[in-house]
Amino acid sequence: MVYTPRPSWAPIFLALGILGLVCGTFASGFVFEPKIWAIVGAIVFIGAFRSIVRGSVRDYYRRPRRQEKRGAALPVETISGPPTG
């Protein structure tokens, strides 16, 4: 069975956190001090990463432990060799 993940904003916030960390490293003097960019980026990154991990663990344990066994949709064919003779 295929289980699709629920929609989430966490990957977008994770990317924004990484962007904040990069701006704190390379964009000195751009609107704010580099420390501010890095601190805000790290906080957003940690929060988004925690949300992704927590959602993944919750989804993993929400799955059924045993799934019902279903038969094949098509009948199984036997493969035989070439005819003798």
C-alpha atoms as a PDB file:
ATOM      1  CA  MET A   1       0.000   0.000   0.000  1.00  0.00           C
ATOM      2  CA  VAL A   2       1.154   3.519  -0.719  1.00  0.00           C
ATOM      3  CA  TYR A   3       0.739   6.233   1.888  1.00  0.00           C
ATOM      4  CA  THR A   4       1.205   9.789   0.709  1.00  0.00           C
ATOM      5  CA  PRO A   5       2.616  12.344   3.147  1.00  0.00           C
ATOM      6  CA  ARG A   6       0.517  15.167   4.478  1.00  0.00           C
ATOM      7  CA  PRO A   7       1.181  18.653   3.091  1.00  0.00           C
ATOM      8  CA  SER A   8       3.559  20.730   5.194  1.00  0.00           C
ATOM      9  CA  TRP A   9       5.138  24.180   5.302  1.00  0.00           C
ATOM     10  CA  ALA A  10       8.197  22.837   7.149  1.00  0.00           C
ATOM     11  CA  PRO A  11      10.450  22.395   4.043  1.00  0.00           C
ATOM     12  CA  ILE A  12       9.879  26.026   3.078  1.00  0.00           C
ATOM     13  CA  PHE A  13      10.790  27.224   6.569  1.00  0.00           C
ATOM     14  CA  LEU A  14      13.807  24.906   6.539  1.00  0.00           C
ATOM     15  CA  ALA A  15      14.989  26.576   3.322  1.00  0.00           C
ATOM     16  CA  LEU A  16      14.400  30.030   4.836  1.00  0.00           C
ATOM     17  CA  GLY A  17      16.432  29.041   7.893  1.00  0.00           C
ATOM     18  CA  ILE A  18      19.300  27.873   5.703  1.00  0.00           C
ATOM     19  CA  LEU A  19      19.033  31.123   3.738  1.00  0.00           C
ATOM     20  CA  GLY A  20      19.283  33.066   7.003  1.00  0.00           C
ATOM     21  CA  LEU A  21      22.386  31.122   7.991  1.00  0.00           C
ATOM     22  CA  VAL A  22      23.974  31.759   4.595  1.00  0.00           C
ATOM     23  CA  CYS A  23      23.101  35.466   4.751  1.00  0.00           C
ATOM     24  CA  GLY A  24      24.647  35.600   8.216  1.00  0.00           C
ATOM     25  CA  THR A  25      27.823  34.098   6.833  1.00  0.00           C
ATOM     26  CA  PHE A  26      28.243  35.974   3.537  1.00  0.00           C
ATOM     27  CA  ALA A  27      25.988  39.056   3.510  1.00  0.00           C
ATOM     28  CA  SER A  28      27.613  41.251   6.105  1.00  0.00           C
ATOM     29  CA  GLY A  29      25.990  44.664   6.336  1.00  0.00           C
ATOM     30  CA  PHE A  30      22.881  43.734   4.334  1.00  0.00           C
ATOM     31  CA  VAL A  31      19.934  45.337   6.202  1.00  0.00           C
ATOM     32  CA  PHE A  32      20.918  43.748   9.561  1.00  0.00           C
ATOM     33  CA  GLU A  33      24.110  42.642  11.233  1.00  0.00           C
ATOM     34  CA  PRO A  34      25.381  39.197  10.207  1.00  0.00           C
ATOM     35  CA  LYS A  35      24.801  37.869  13.728  1.00  0.00           C
ATOM     36  CA  ILE A  36      21.095  38.712  13.527  1.00  0.00           C
ATOM     37  CA  TRP A  37      20.713  36.864  10.213  1.00  0.00           C
ATOM     38  CA  ALA A  38      22.563  33.852  11.578  1.00  0.00           C
ATOM     39  CA  ILE A  39      20.634  33.714  14.878  1.00  0.00           C
ATOM     40  CA  VAL A  40      17.219  34.093  13.245  1.00  0.00           C
ATOM     41  CA  GLY A  41      18.179  31.599  10.527  1.00  0.00           C
ATOM     42  CA  ALA A  42      19.372  29.065  13.102  1.00  0.00           C
ATOM     43  CA  ILE A  43      16.171  29.395  15.137  1.00  0.00           C
ATOM     44  CA  VAL A  44      13.971  28.965  12.060  1.00  0.00           C
ATOM     45  CA  PHE A  45      16.127  26.071  10.814  1.00  0.00           C
ATOM     46  CA  ILE A  46      16.004  24.214  14.148  1.00  0.00           C
ATOM     47  CA  GLY A  47      12.241  24.737  14.462  1.00  0.00           C
ATOM     48  CA  ALA A  48      11.532  23.531  10.923  1.00  0.00           C
ATOM     49  CA  PHE A  49      13.877  20.550  11.240  1.00  0.00           C
ATOM     50  CA  ARG A  50      12.231  19.576  14.525  1.00  0.00           C
ATOM     51  CA  SER A  51       8.813  19.817  12.878  1.00  0.00           C
ATOM     52  CA  ILE A  52       9.896  17.587   9.972  1.00  0.00           C
ATOM     53  CA  VAL A  53      11.384  14.941  12.278  1.00  0.00           C
ATOM     54  CA  ARG A  54       8.420  14.984  14.656  1.00  0.00           C
ATOM     55  CA  GLY A  55       5.947  14.656  11.771  1.00  0.00           C
ATOM     56  CA  SER A  56       7.928  11.799  10.250  1.00  0.00           C
ATOM     57  CA  VAL A  57       8.060   9.871  13.511  1.00  0.00           C
ATOM     58  CA  ARG A  58       4.358  10.480  14.116  1.00  0.00           C
ATOM     59  CA  ASP A  59       3.473   9.268  10.613  1.00  0.00           C
ATOM     60  CA  TYR A  60       5.669   6.184  11.014  1.00  0.00           C
ATOM     61  CA  TYR A  61       3.976   5.087  14.225  1.00  0.00           C
ATOM     62  CA  ARG A  62       0.519   5.897  12.859  1.00  0.00           C
ATOM     63  CA  ARG A  63       0.820   3.245  10.140  1.00  0.00           C
ATOM     64  CA  PRO A  64      -0.898  -0.082  10.682  1.00  0.00           C
ATOM     65  CA  ARG A  65       1.413  -2.809  11.951  1.00  0.00           C
ATOM     66  CA  ARG A  66      -0.230  -5.602   9.986  1.00  0.00           C
ATOM     67  CA  GLN A  67      -1.775  -5.149   6.596  1.00  0.00           C
ATOM     68  CA  GLU A  68      -4.354  -7.402   5.076  1.00  0.00           C
ATOM     69  CA  LYS A  69      -3.014  -9.812   2.491  1.00  0.00           C
ATOM     70  CA  ARG A  70      -4.589  -9.430  -0.878  1.00  0.00           C
ATOM     71  CA  GLY A  71      -4.446 -11.869  -3.725  1.00  0.00           C
ATOM     72  CA  ALA A  72      -3.085 -10.989  -7.110  1.00  0.00           C
ATOM     73  CA  ALA A  73      -5.417  -9.057  -9.374  1.00  0.00           C
ATOM     74  CA  LEU A  74      -4.514 -11.254 -12.349  1.00  0.00           C
ATOM     75  CA  PRO A  75      -4.264 -15.037 -12.324  1.00  0.00           C
ATOM     76  CA  VAL A  76      -0.775 -16.446 -12.074  1.00  0.00           C
ATOM     77  CA  GLU A  77       0.459 -18.168 -15.225  1.00  0.00           C
ATOM     78  CA  THR A  78       2.817 -21.096 -15.174  1.00  0.00           C
ATOM     79  CA  ILE A  79       5.764 -21.024 -17.488  1.00  0.00           C
ATOM     80  CA  SER A  80       6.242 -24.241 -19.416  1.00  0.00           C
ATOM     81  CA  GLY A  81       8.992 -25.308 -21.749  1.00  0.00           C
ATOM     82  CA  PRO A  82       8.649 -25.805 -25.505  1.00  0.00           C
ATOM     83  CA  PRO A  83       6.422 -28.669 -26.622  1.00  0.00           C
ATOM     84  CA  THR A  84       8.134 -32.015 -27.002  1.00  0.00           C
ATOM     85  CA  GLY A  85       7.905 -33.887 -30.237  1.00  0.00           C
END
